[in-house]
Protein backbone atom coordinates (compact mmCIF):
# COMPACT_ATOMS: atom_id res chain seq x y z
CA MET A 1 -52.81 22.12 -21.83
CA GLN A 2 -49.46 23.86 -20.47
CA PHE A 3 -49.12 23.55 -16.75
CA THR A 4 -45.81 25.00 -16.39
CA ASP A 5 -43.16 25.81 -19.25
CA ILE A 6 -41.60 21.84 -18.98
CA VAL A 7 -44.96 20.23 -17.95
CA HIS A 8 -48.11 19.48 -19.96
CA ILE A 9 -51.27 17.95 -18.83
CA TYR A 10 -53.90 15.68 -20.84
CA GLU A 11 -56.59 15.20 -18.34
CA TRP A 12 -59.31 12.49 -19.04
CA ASP A 13 -62.66 13.63 -17.75
CA SER A 14 -64.90 11.35 -19.63
CA PHE A 15 -67.64 9.48 -17.74
CA THR A 16 -68.02 6.63 -20.36
CA GLN A 17 -64.75 5.38 -20.81
CA ASN A 18 -61.92 4.77 -18.05
CA ASN A 19 -58.65 6.17 -18.83
CA CYS A 20 -55.99 8.01 -17.15
CA ASN A 21 -54.39 11.19 -16.83
CA THR A 22 -51.55 11.46 -19.20
CA TYR A 23 -48.36 13.99 -18.44
CA LEU A 24 -45.82 15.43 -21.35
CA ILE A 25 -42.68 16.68 -19.62
CA GLY A 26 -39.34 17.59 -21.02
CA LYS A 27 -37.63 20.80 -22.80
CA LYS A 28 -38.79 19.51 -26.19
CA GLY A 29 -41.52 17.68 -24.63
CA ARG A 30 -40.45 14.31 -25.49
CA VAL A 31 -41.34 12.27 -22.43
CA LEU A 32 -44.85 10.86 -21.72
CA ILE A 33 -45.90 9.47 -18.31
CA ASP A 34 -48.77 6.90 -18.42
CA PRO A 35 -49.86 6.79 -22.35
CA GLY A 36 -53.42 5.35 -21.32
CA HIS A 37 -55.54 2.89 -23.42
CA ARG A 38 -54.32 2.25 -27.19
CA HIS A 39 -57.71 2.75 -28.69
CA LEU A 40 -57.76 6.22 -26.61
CA PHE A 41 -54.59 7.84 -27.58
CA THR A 42 -55.64 9.83 -30.02
CA ASN A 43 -56.91 12.19 -27.34
CA VAL A 44 -53.26 12.45 -26.17
CA ALA A 45 -52.08 12.76 -29.58
CA GLY A 46 -54.42 15.58 -30.48
CA GLY A 47 -53.51 17.58 -27.36
CA MET A 48 -49.77 17.11 -28.24
CA ARG A 49 -50.33 18.20 -31.50
CA LYS A 50 -52.65 21.44 -30.47
CA ASP A 51 -49.83 22.26 -28.04
CA GLY A 52 -47.20 22.31 -30.94
CA PHE A 53 -45.95 18.67 -29.98
CA ASP A 54 -45.20 16.05 -32.34
CA PRO A 55 -46.53 12.66 -30.66
CA ASP A 56 -44.01 10.69 -33.24
CA ARG A 57 -41.20 12.50 -31.56
CA VAL A 58 -41.11 11.11 -28.23
CA ASP A 59 -37.99 9.54 -26.93
CA MET A 60 -39.28 7.95 -23.41
CA VAL A 61 -42.45 6.20 -22.29
CA LEU A 62 -42.76 6.17 -18.46
CA ALA A 63 -45.63 3.95 -16.97
CA THR A 64 -46.32 4.33 -13.26
CA HIS A 65 -47.48 1.03 -13.52
CA SER A 66 -49.09 -1.72 -15.95
CA HIS A 67 -52.59 -1.85 -15.68
CA PRO A 68 -54.27 -1.29 -19.28
CA ASP A 69 -55.86 1.90 -18.50
CA HIS A 70 -52.13 3.48 -18.23
CA PHE A 71 -50.13 1.27 -19.95
CA GLU A 72 -51.65 -0.46 -23.25
CA SER A 73 -50.77 2.39 -25.55
CA VAL A 74 -47.21 1.48 -25.05
CA GLU A 75 -48.37 -0.83 -28.16
CA ASN A 76 -48.13 2.48 -30.18
CA PHE A 77 -44.60 2.85 -29.81
CA MET A 78 -43.58 -0.80 -30.09
CA ASP A 79 -42.21 -0.10 -33.74
CA LYS A 80 -40.78 2.89 -32.62
CA ILE A 81 -36.78 1.60 -31.84
CA ASP A 82 -35.87 5.16 -30.68
CA VAL A 83 -38.47 5.39 -27.90
CA LYS A 84 -37.19 4.02 -24.31
CA ILE A 85 -39.95 2.20 -22.50
CA ALA A 86 -39.60 2.14 -19.11
CA LEU A 87 -41.36 0.18 -16.40
CA HIS A 88 -39.68 -0.98 -12.72
CA PRO A 89 -38.77 -4.38 -12.63
CA GLU A 90 -41.39 -5.82 -9.93
CA GLU A 91 -44.11 -4.48 -12.47
CA GLN A 92 -42.52 -6.52 -15.15
CA HIS A 93 -42.88 -9.90 -12.86
CA PHE A 94 -46.07 -8.91 -12.19
CA LEU A 95 -47.23 -8.07 -15.91
CA GLU A 96 -45.45 -11.26 -17.08
CA LYS A 97 -47.84 -13.36 -14.70
CA ALA A 98 -50.74 -12.09 -12.94
CA GLY A 99 -50.90 -8.83 -14.93
CA MET A 100 -51.89 -10.57 -18.21
CA GLU A 101 -54.59 -12.82 -16.54
CA PHE A 102 -55.79 -9.18 -14.84
CA ALA A 103 -56.25 -7.95 -18.48
CA ARG A 104 -58.31 -10.75 -19.78
CA MET A 105 -60.53 -10.77 -16.42
CA LEU A 106 -61.52 -7.11 -17.33
CA GLY A 107 -61.93 -7.91 -21.14
CA MET A 108 -59.04 -6.56 -22.53
CA PRO A 109 -56.41 -7.79 -24.76
CA THR A 110 -52.72 -8.14 -23.68
CA PRO A 111 -50.43 -5.60 -25.12
CA ARG A 112 -47.46 -6.25 -27.21
CA TYR A 113 -44.96 -4.30 -24.74
CA ARG A 114 -41.35 -4.52 -24.35
CA VAL A 115 -39.21 -2.81 -21.80
CA ASP A 116 -36.40 -0.79 -22.66
CA LEU A 117 -35.10 0.86 -19.03
CA ASP A 118 -35.95 -0.68 -15.34
CA LEU A 119 -37.50 2.36 -13.62
CA VAL A 120 -35.27 1.79 -10.11
CA GLU A 121 -35.28 4.16 -7.48
CA GLY A 122 -33.19 7.45 -7.76
CA ASN A 123 -32.73 10.06 -10.52
CA LEU A 124 -33.44 9.71 -14.13
CA THR A 125 -32.78 12.49 -16.74
CA ALA A 126 -34.58 12.84 -19.75
CA ASP A 127 -35.12 15.88 -22.10
CA GLY A 128 -33.43 18.23 -19.80
CA VAL A 129 -35.41 16.87 -16.71
CA THR A 130 -34.05 15.16 -13.76
CA LEU A 131 -36.88 12.83 -12.08
CA LYS A 132 -36.72 11.12 -8.75
CA VAL A 133 -38.08 7.95 -9.17
CA PHE A 134 -39.64 6.04 -5.71
CA HIS A 135 -40.96 2.73 -5.84
CA THR A 136 -44.32 3.05 -4.45
CA PRO A 137 -46.00 -0.64 -4.34
CA GLY A 138 -49.65 -0.72 -2.79
CA HIS A 139 -52.01 -0.47 -5.85
CA SER A 140 -49.43 -2.87 -7.99
CA PRO A 141 -46.42 -4.41 -7.04
CA GLY A 142 -44.24 -2.27 -9.01
CA HIS A 143 -46.04 0.86 -8.97
CA VAL A 144 -43.76 3.74 -8.84
CA CYS A 145 -44.24 7.89 -8.16
CA PHE A 146 -42.16 10.90 -10.04
CA TYR A 147 -41.09 13.45 -8.25
CA LEU A 148 -40.05 16.65 -10.06
CA GLU A 149 -38.15 18.53 -7.35
CA GLU A 150 -37.06 21.58 -9.25
CA GLU A 151 -41.12 22.28 -9.66
CA LYS A 152 -42.37 20.71 -6.63
CA ILE A 153 -44.88 18.22 -8.72
CA LEU A 154 -45.13 14.50 -7.69
CA PHE A 155 -46.65 12.35 -10.58
CA ALA A 156 -48.36 10.33 -8.22
CA GLY A 157 -50.13 7.50 -10.73
CA ASP A 158 -52.66 5.61 -8.87
CA LEU A 159 -51.17 5.89 -5.29
CA ILE A 160 -53.41 8.78 -4.76
CA PHE A 161 -55.99 11.13 -5.91
CA ASN A 162 -57.51 14.29 -4.92
CA GLN A 163 -59.15 12.92 -1.59
CA GLY A 164 -58.78 9.36 -2.51
CA VAL A 165 -56.20 6.41 -2.94
CA GLY A 166 -55.84 3.88 -5.16
CA ARG A 167 -57.74 0.00 -4.95
CA THR A 168 -56.07 -2.45 -3.09
CA ASP A 169 -58.57 -5.03 -4.21
CA PHE A 170 -56.76 -5.87 -7.36
CA PRO A 171 -54.22 -8.61 -8.20
CA GLY A 172 -51.00 -7.52 -6.68
CA GLY A 173 -52.59 -4.80 -4.48
CA ASP A 174 -51.11 -4.41 -0.68
CA GLY A 175 -53.40 -2.30 1.73
CA ASP A 176 -49.91 -2.26 4.14
CA LEU A 177 -47.53 -1.44 1.37
CA LEU A 178 -50.07 1.10 -0.05
CA LYS A 179 -49.85 2.96 3.52
CA ASN A 180 -46.42 2.86 3.94
CA SER A 181 -45.72 4.33 0.17
CA ILE A 182 -48.21 7.12 0.77
CA ARG A 183 -46.71 7.95 4.07
CA ARG A 184 -43.11 8.37 2.20
CA MET A 185 -44.55 10.62 -0.41
CA ALA A 186 -46.09 12.69 2.50
CA GLU A 187 -42.40 13.62 3.68
CA LEU A 188 -41.67 15.21 0.27
CA ASP A 189 -42.11 18.88 -0.45
CA ILE A 190 -44.72 18.66 -2.67
CA GLU A 191 -47.05 21.64 -4.15
CA THR A 192 -48.94 20.04 -6.91
CA ILE A 193 -50.02 16.15 -6.90
CA LEU A 194 -51.11 14.84 -10.53
CA SER A 195 -52.76 11.81 -10.38
CA GLY A 196 -53.33 8.96 -12.72
CA HIS A 197 -57.46 9.92 -12.49
CA GLY A 198 -59.17 13.11 -11.35
CA PRO A 199 -58.10 16.77 -11.09
CA MET A 200 -54.83 17.76 -9.10
CA VAL A 201 -53.91 18.81 -5.93
CA GLN A 202 -52.55 22.30 -5.89
CA GLY A 203 -50.87 24.27 -3.35
CA ARG A 204 -48.34 23.03 -0.36
CA GLU A 205 -51.28 23.45 2.52
CA ALA A 206 -54.02 21.60 -0.16
CA VAL A 207 -51.53 18.87 -0.60
CA LYS A 208 -50.92 18.52 3.14
CA SER A 209 -54.65 18.73 3.97
CA ASN A 210 -55.25 15.78 1.28
CA PHE A 211 -52.58 13.85 2.77
CA ASP A 212 -54.36 14.26 6.42
CA PHE A 213 -57.21 13.57 4.91
CA ILE A 214 -56.32 10.37 3.14
CA GLU A 215 -54.63 9.19 6.34
CA LYS A 216 -57.96 9.83 8.25
CA VAL A 217 -60.54 8.68 6.16
CA TYR A 218 -58.77 6.31 3.92
CA PHE A 219 -56.19 4.27 6.22
CA PRO A 220 -58.60 2.57 8.25
CA MET A 221 -60.36 1.26 5.37
CA VAL A 222 -57.38 -0.07 3.29
């Protein structure tokens, strides 16, 4: 689904299987954020084709973090040497150790993967679009958020949702770090939050109210 000229949304709304929302960005639709589970990527690929994009012509895959429901589909791109796969260094360390065991705990195979680009804080330009990368640990050690300043959109991964926050009881989770990360993102000029799960939060006042709700309701529990 087209959201803006440079952002397309492939929302996961099934109640029978867990998966994440995937976002396609760029002037030519060549950058994927969080491709999801490998066996469910057909949903994303079908949506891309419907919107006039070729899933085989992706240039870059950006992962907010390495949990299987966000990251497993990078295996679909392993044999495409022109595709750059990007992950934060702290998340790479986590994935090499506790992350593999975490996948096994969930009854999922550990994916084949490679990392071609370290996601570190700062600007990342791809397909004519510049994203600001923020390291936002708490849900996982190397979790990142992407901020599209020109459209005031925050791609929040599993940091925050519409009236919710990412879990901190998984391996590598940390409630204090999560709260600090949320406070940092709340300082940005945001008009839309596009999260890893659930509906978007749209409108500056709605975004502010969502941050206020999270701090009031969830912070005491995290």
